[in-house]
C-alpha atoms as a PDB file:
ATOM      1  CA  MET A   1      74.771 282.430  25.798  1.00  0.00           C
ATOM      2  CA  HIS A   2      76.643 285.504  24.669  1.00  0.00           C
ATOM      3  CA  VAL A   3      80.364 285.497  25.428  1.00  0.00           C
ATOM      4  CA  ASP A   4      81.646 288.943  26.296  1.00  0.00           C
ATOM      5  CA  LEU A   5      85.405 289.093  25.812  1.00  0.00           C
ATOM      6  CA  PRO A   6      87.520 292.135  24.915  1.00  0.00           C
ATOM      7  CA  GLU A   7      88.965 292.204  21.406  1.00  0.00           C
ATOM      8  CA  LYS A   8      92.505 290.830  21.547  1.00  0.00           C
ATOM      9  CA  ARG A   9      94.680 288.205  19.906  1.00  0.00           C
ATOM     10  CA  TYR A  10      94.997 285.640  22.736  1.00  0.00           C
ATOM     11  CA  TYR A  11      92.946 284.824  25.829  1.00  0.00           C
ATOM     12  CA  SER A  12      94.084 282.923  28.904  1.00  0.00           C
ATOM     13  CA  ILE A  13      92.184 279.885  30.099  1.00  0.00           C
ATOM     14  CA  GLY A  14      90.956 281.862  33.116  1.00  0.00           C
ATOM     15  CA  GLU A  15      89.465 284.578  30.909  1.00  0.00           C
ATOM     16  CA  VAL A  16      87.766 281.969  28.744  1.00  0.00           C
ATOM     17  CA  ALA A  17      86.397 280.051  31.732  1.00  0.00           C
ATOM     18  CA  ASN A  18      85.009 283.266  33.264  1.00  0.00           C
ATOM     19  CA  ALA A  19      83.390 284.268  29.971  1.00  0.00           C
ATOM     20  CA  PHE A  20      81.635 280.898  29.693  1.00  0.00           C
ATOM     21  CA  GLU A  21      80.952 280.729  33.451  1.00  0.00           C
ATOM     22  CA  VAL A  22      82.538 277.280  33.761  1.00  0.00           C
ATOM     23  CA  ASN A  23      85.588 275.851  35.526  1.00  0.00           C
ATOM     24  CA  THR A  24      88.982 275.847  33.831  1.00  0.00           C
ATOM     25  CA  SER A  25      89.025 272.066  34.240  1.00  0.00           C
ATOM     26  CA  LEU A  26      86.006 271.794  31.916  1.00  0.00           C
ATOM     27  CA  ILE A  27      87.811 273.829  29.261  1.00  0.00           C
ATOM     28  CA  ARG A  28      90.865 271.552  29.562  1.00  0.00           C
ATOM     29  CA  PHE A  29      88.613 268.473  29.401  1.00  0.00           C
ATOM     30  CA  TRP A  30      86.878 269.718  26.255  1.00  0.00           C
ATOM     31  CA  GLU A  31      90.290 270.434  24.740  1.00  0.00           C
ATOM     32  CA  LYS A  32      91.193 266.756  25.163  1.00  0.00           C
ATOM     33  CA  GLU A  33      87.824 265.526  23.913  1.00  0.00           C
ATOM     34  CA  PHE A  34      87.301 267.745  20.847  1.00  0.00           C
ATOM     35  CA  ASP A  35      89.870 267.844  18.056  1.00  0.00           C
ATOM     36  CA  VAL A  36      88.695 271.289  16.877  1.00  0.00           C
ATOM     37  CA  LEU A  37      90.078 272.863  20.071  1.00  0.00           C
ATOM     38  CA  GLN A  38      93.813 273.349  19.784  1.00  0.00           C
ATOM     39  CA  PRO A  39      94.928 276.396  21.773  1.00  0.00           C
ATOM     40  CA  LYS A  40      98.519 277.464  21.466  1.00  0.00           C
ATOM     41  CA  LYS A  41     100.767 276.876  24.447  1.00  0.00           C
ATOM     42  CA  ASN A  42     103.686 279.052  25.488  1.00  0.00           C
ATOM     43  CA  ALA A  43     107.013 277.775  26.864  1.00  0.00           C
ATOM     44  CA  LYS A  44     105.485 277.400  30.335  1.00  0.00           C
ATOM     45  CA  GLY A  45     102.579 275.371  28.951  1.00  0.00           C
ATOM     46  CA  ASN A  46      99.962 278.062  29.493  1.00  0.00           C
ATOM     47  CA  ARG A  47      97.112 277.847  27.023  1.00  0.00           C
ATOM     48  CA  LYS A  48      96.423 280.822  24.778  1.00  0.00           C
ATOM     49  CA  PHE A  49      93.061 280.746  23.032  1.00  0.00           C
ATOM     50  CA  THR A  50      92.487 282.541  19.728  1.00  0.00           C
ATOM     51  CA  GLN A  51      89.224 283.953  18.345  1.00  0.00           C
ATOM     52  CA  GLU A  52      88.800 280.735  16.343  1.00  0.00           C
ATOM     53  CA  ASP A  53      89.139 278.685  19.541  1.00  0.00           C
ATOM     54  CA  ILE A  54      86.510 280.872  21.204  1.00  0.00           C
ATOM     55  CA  LYS A  55      84.090 280.293  18.305  1.00  0.00           C
ATOM     56  CA  ASN A  56      84.652 276.537  18.548  1.00  0.00           C
ATOM     57  CA  LEU A  57      84.132 276.664  22.317  1.00  0.00           C
ATOM     58  CA  GLU A  58      80.879 278.585  21.812  1.00  0.00           C
ATOM     59  CA  LEU A  59      79.700 275.893  19.432  1.00  0.00           C
ATOM     60  CA  ILE A  60      80.676 273.078  21.811  1.00  0.00           C
ATOM     61  CA  TYR A  61      79.033 274.898  24.723  1.00  0.00           C
ATOM     62  CA  HIS A  62      75.867 275.352  22.660  1.00  0.00           C
ATOM     63  CA  LEU A  63      75.697 271.688  21.705  1.00  0.00           C
ATOM     64  CA  VAL A  64      76.540 270.248  25.125  1.00  0.00           C
ATOM     65  CA  LYS A  65      75.081 272.719  27.610  1.00  0.00           C
ATOM     66  CA  GLU A  66      72.229 274.378  25.738  1.00  0.00           C
ATOM     67  CA  ARG A  67      70.996 271.615  23.434  1.00  0.00           C
ATOM     68  CA  GLY A  68      71.833 268.713  25.769  1.00  0.00           C
ATOM     69  CA  PHE A  69      74.053 266.650  23.480  1.00  0.00           C
ATOM     70  CA  THR A  70      76.273 263.990  25.014  1.00  0.00           C
ATOM     71  CA  LEU A  71      79.995 264.426  24.360  1.00  0.00           C
ATOM     72  CA  ASP A  72      79.953 261.594  21.843  1.00  0.00           C
ATOM     73  CA  GLY A  73      76.859 263.037  20.192  1.00  0.00           C
ATOM     74  CA  ALA A  74      78.447 266.486  19.979  1.00  0.00           C
ATOM     75  CA  LYS A  75      81.644 265.026  18.480  1.00  0.00           C
ATOM     76  CA  THR A  76      79.666 263.097  15.880  1.00  0.00           C
ATOM     77  CA  HIS A  77      77.494 266.108  15.086  1.00  0.00           C
ATOM     78  CA  LEU A  78      80.549 268.322  14.603  1.00  0.00           C
ATOM     79  CA  LYS A  79      82.279 265.795  12.344  1.00  0.00           C
ATOM     80  CA  GLU A  80      79.270 265.077  10.172  1.00  0.00           C
ATOM     81  CA  ASN A  81      77.575 268.469  10.029  1.00  0.00           C
ATOM     82  CA  LYS A  82      80.197 271.067  10.937  1.00  0.00           C
ATOM     83  CA  LYS A  83      79.413 273.553   8.148  1.00  0.00           C
ATOM     84  CA  GLU A  84      75.659 273.260   8.588  1.00  0.00           C
ATOM     85  CA  THR A  85      75.989 273.491  12.376  1.00  0.00           C
ATOM     86  CA  LEU A  86      78.166 276.603  12.138  1.00  0.00           C
ATOM     87  CA  ASP A  87      75.680 278.261   9.788  1.00  0.00           C
ATOM     88  CA  ASN A  88      72.737 277.440  12.051  1.00  0.00           C
ATOM     89  CA  PHE A  89      74.676 278.519  15.124  1.00  0.00           C
ATOM     90  CA  GLY A  90      75.476 281.875  13.525  1.00  0.00           C
ATOM     91  CA  ILE A  91      71.827 282.421  12.678  1.00  0.00           C
ATOM     92  CA  ILE A  92      70.755 281.524  16.222  1.00  0.00           C
ATOM     93  CA  ARG A  93      73.249 283.999  17.706  1.00  0.00           C
ATOM     94  CA  LYS A  94      72.074 286.793  15.401  1.00  0.00           C
ATOM     95  CA  LEU A  95      68.445 286.123  16.283  1.00  0.00           C
ATOM     96  CA  GLU A  96      69.290 286.160  19.993  1.00  0.00           C
ATOM     97  CA  SER A  97      70.988 289.549  19.636  1.00  0.00           C
ATOM     98  CA  VAL A  98      67.982 290.918  17.705  1.00  0.00           C
ATOM     99  CA  LYS A  99      65.655 289.607  20.409  1.00  0.00           C
ATOM    100  CA  ALA A 100      67.754 291.239  23.136  1.00  0.00           C
ATOM    101  CA  GLU A 101      67.713 294.542  21.273  1.00  0.00           C
ATOM    102  CA  LEU A 102      63.945 294.372  20.783  1.00  0.00           C
ATOM    103  CA  LEU A 103      63.447 293.623  24.479  1.00  0.00           C
ATOM    104  CA  LYS A 104      65.541 296.690  25.348  1.00  0.00           C
ATOM    105  CA  ILE A 105      63.379 298.829  23.086  1.00  0.00           C
ATOM    106  CA  LYS A 106      60.219 297.365  24.618  1.00  0.00           C
ATOM    107  CA  ASP A 107      61.471 298.173  28.130  1.00  0.00           C
ATOM    108  CA  GLN A 108      62.160 301.764  27.113  1.00  0.00           C
ATOM    109  CA  LEU A 109      58.615 302.300  25.864  1.00  0.00           C
END
């Protein structure tokens, strides 16, 4: 899944939920479950997600929704293999973008 968000410093929970095509309640639930997610909160308590939070959410989404990990399995995988998982995840995303570009070129032929 490719998350398409405009380039800015902070994102609201609604923007993040729309980008991932999930409910805001799922984002809040993952925030409680995964220690790597720690969005900033303003005086009203509204969550503000940074680029780093978005990357962590992409990784969690990939593990849970795309690869079918349980929440406990995803937590364990992140704790034990975070660097390796991030590297592999980055490679997967680059390959997906190359594939999409090649499919566009194929359609134009």
